Amino acid sequence: MPAHAAITPATARLGQRLHYHGVVFVSPATRVRFVPPADEGAFTWAGIRATRGAAGITSGPYAGFDSVGFEADLQVFRTGSVSVPGVAALLTRSNAPADTGRVTLPVVRLTITPTVTAADSAGELRGLHG
């Protein structure tokens, strides 16, 4: 089952609002329910929404499939190279309700840079040289 996920921007500041977008391609007879990610550790999720539409694939093994999207705003509160776990989706075929499956969107990696604000009275900044 093809799936894709991305976060923009790929390099961001600590606590900056990011956009997570994932998509899974399924047959029109398959119901998809995304499992909302929990606000745990360094991640805060908001504005979670799902979309569904024709994928527009006209040839090949996925011709006629639907694209089911997952979108959310994400804030990351850890610096450095960060891996955001993939969002899980539960799949149920409408003509076989007992036949369920699960797919997880791919892990997305991004870089979070530290931010020193004017409100950070403990920040020690050095003057420019050269």
Protein backbone atom coordinates (compact mmCIF):
# COMPACT_ATOMS: atom_id res chain seq x y z
CA MET A 1 0.00 0.00 0.00
CA PRO A 2 1.73 3.23 -1.11
CA ALA A 3 2.02 5.96 1.50
CA HIS A 4 3.93 9.22 1.74
CA ALA A 5 4.55 11.81 4.48
CA ALA A 6 6.34 15.17 4.60
CA ILE A 7 6.81 18.10 6.96
CA THR A 8 7.37 21.67 5.81
CA PRO A 9 9.65 23.35 6.37
CA ALA A 10 12.29 20.59 6.74
CA THR A 11 14.51 22.88 8.81
CA ALA A 12 12.75 24.92 11.50
CA ARG A 13 13.23 26.79 14.74
CA LEU A 14 12.40 25.35 18.14
CA GLY A 15 8.62 25.56 18.67
CA GLN A 16 7.93 26.86 15.15
CA ARG A 17 4.59 25.80 13.66
CA LEU A 18 5.16 23.14 10.99
CA HIS A 19 2.80 21.51 8.51
CA TYR A 20 2.59 17.69 8.46
CA HIS A 21 1.00 16.12 5.39
CA GLY A 22 0.62 12.40 4.82
CA VAL A 23 -1.27 10.41 2.24
CA VAL A 24 -2.18 6.77 1.72
CA PHE A 25 -3.63 5.39 -1.52
CA VAL A 26 -6.51 2.91 -1.17
CA SER A 27 -9.26 1.38 -3.25
CA PRO A 28 -12.57 3.28 -3.15
CA ALA A 29 -14.07 0.36 -1.18
CA THR A 30 -11.65 0.85 1.71
CA ARG A 31 -12.51 2.99 4.72
CA VAL A 32 -9.59 4.73 6.42
CA ARG A 33 -9.46 6.00 10.00
CA PHE A 34 -6.31 7.78 11.11
CA VAL A 35 -5.24 7.31 14.71
CA PRO A 36 -4.63 10.82 16.06
CA PRO A 37 -1.07 11.18 17.33
CA ALA A 38 -0.67 11.93 21.03
CA ASP A 39 0.99 15.06 22.37
CA GLU A 40 3.98 13.30 23.87
CA GLY A 41 7.50 14.36 24.68
CA ALA A 42 8.78 16.86 22.16
CA PHE A 43 5.70 16.90 19.87
CA THR A 44 2.52 18.98 20.04
CA TRP A 45 -0.15 18.36 17.39
CA ALA A 46 -3.09 20.66 16.48
CA GLY A 47 -5.55 21.29 13.67
CA ILE A 48 -5.80 17.61 12.73
CA ARG A 49 -7.89 16.94 9.62
CA ALA A 50 -8.40 14.20 7.04
CA THR A 51 -9.29 14.47 3.36
CA ARG A 52 -10.30 12.00 0.67
CA GLY A 53 -10.46 12.30 -3.09
CA ALA A 54 -9.70 10.57 -6.35
CA ALA A 55 -5.95 10.16 -6.70
CA GLY A 56 -6.04 10.74 -10.43
CA ILE A 57 -3.93 7.65 -11.18
CA THR A 58 -5.08 6.35 -14.55
CA SER A 59 -2.69 3.46 -15.21
CA GLY A 60 -0.66 0.87 -13.34
CA PRO A 61 -1.48 -1.19 -10.25
CA TYR A 62 -3.05 1.76 -8.36
CA ALA A 63 -5.30 3.05 -11.16
CA GLY A 64 -8.63 4.23 -9.78
CA PHE A 65 -7.40 4.43 -6.18
CA ASP A 66 -8.39 7.21 -3.80
CA SER A 67 -5.91 9.38 -1.95
CA VAL A 68 -6.69 9.76 1.75
CA GLY A 69 -4.77 12.59 3.36
CA PHE A 70 -3.84 13.43 6.93
CA GLU A 71 -2.86 17.00 7.73
CA ALA A 72 -1.90 18.65 10.99
CA ASP A 73 0.04 21.49 12.51
CA LEU A 74 3.03 20.29 14.51
CA GLN A 75 5.41 21.93 16.95
CA VAL A 76 8.67 20.28 17.99
CA PHE A 77 10.36 21.13 21.27
CA ARG A 78 13.71 19.35 20.84
CA THR A 79 16.69 20.60 18.89
CA GLY A 80 18.91 18.79 16.42
CA SER A 81 17.98 16.01 14.03
CA VAL A 82 14.48 14.84 14.94
CA SER A 83 12.50 11.83 13.67
CA VAL A 84 8.73 12.27 13.69
CA PRO A 85 7.00 8.89 13.90
CA GLY A 86 4.55 8.03 11.15
CA VAL A 87 0.83 8.42 11.79
CA ALA A 88 -1.12 5.14 11.84
CA ALA A 89 -4.21 4.47 9.74
CA LEU A 90 -6.74 1.68 10.26
CA LEU A 91 -8.14 0.23 7.03
CA THR A 92 -11.46 -1.58 6.62
CA ARG A 93 -12.86 -2.90 3.36
CA SER A 94 -16.54 -1.97 3.13
CA ASN A 95 -17.42 -5.32 1.52
CA ALA A 96 -15.51 -7.30 4.20
CA PRO A 97 -15.80 -5.48 7.57
CA ALA A 98 -13.92 -8.24 9.39
CA ASP A 99 -10.96 -7.74 7.06
CA THR A 100 -9.10 -4.88 8.71
CA GLY A 101 -5.54 -3.76 8.36
CA ARG A 102 -3.17 -1.10 9.54
CA VAL A 103 -0.65 1.05 7.71
CA THR A 104 1.77 3.53 9.22
CA LEU A 105 2.93 6.56 7.29
CA PRO A 106 6.71 6.83 6.93
CA VAL A 107 8.90 8.45 9.56
CA VAL A 108 9.80 12.05 8.64
CA ARG A 109 13.16 13.52 9.61
CA LEU A 110 13.78 17.22 10.09
CA THR A 111 16.26 19.57 11.72
CA ILE A 112 15.23 21.84 14.58
CA THR A 113 17.51 24.77 15.36
CA PRO A 114 17.64 26.47 18.78
CA THR A 115 16.12 29.92 19.11
CA VAL A 116 17.17 32.64 21.51
CA THR A 117 14.47 35.27 21.98
CA ALA A 118 14.57 38.72 23.56
CA ALA A 119 12.63 37.23 26.50
CA ASP A 120 15.51 34.85 27.26
CA SER A 121 17.33 36.77 29.97
CA ALA A 122 19.71 33.87 30.59
CA GLY A 123 21.01 33.92 27.01
CA GLU A 124 24.68 34.78 26.62
CA LEU A 125 25.37 36.20 23.18
CA ARG A 126 28.82 37.05 21.85
CA GLY A 127 29.53 40.03 19.66
CA LEU A 128 30.31 39.60 15.97
CA HIS A 129 33.97 39.27 15.04
CA GLY A 130 35.69 40.19 11.80
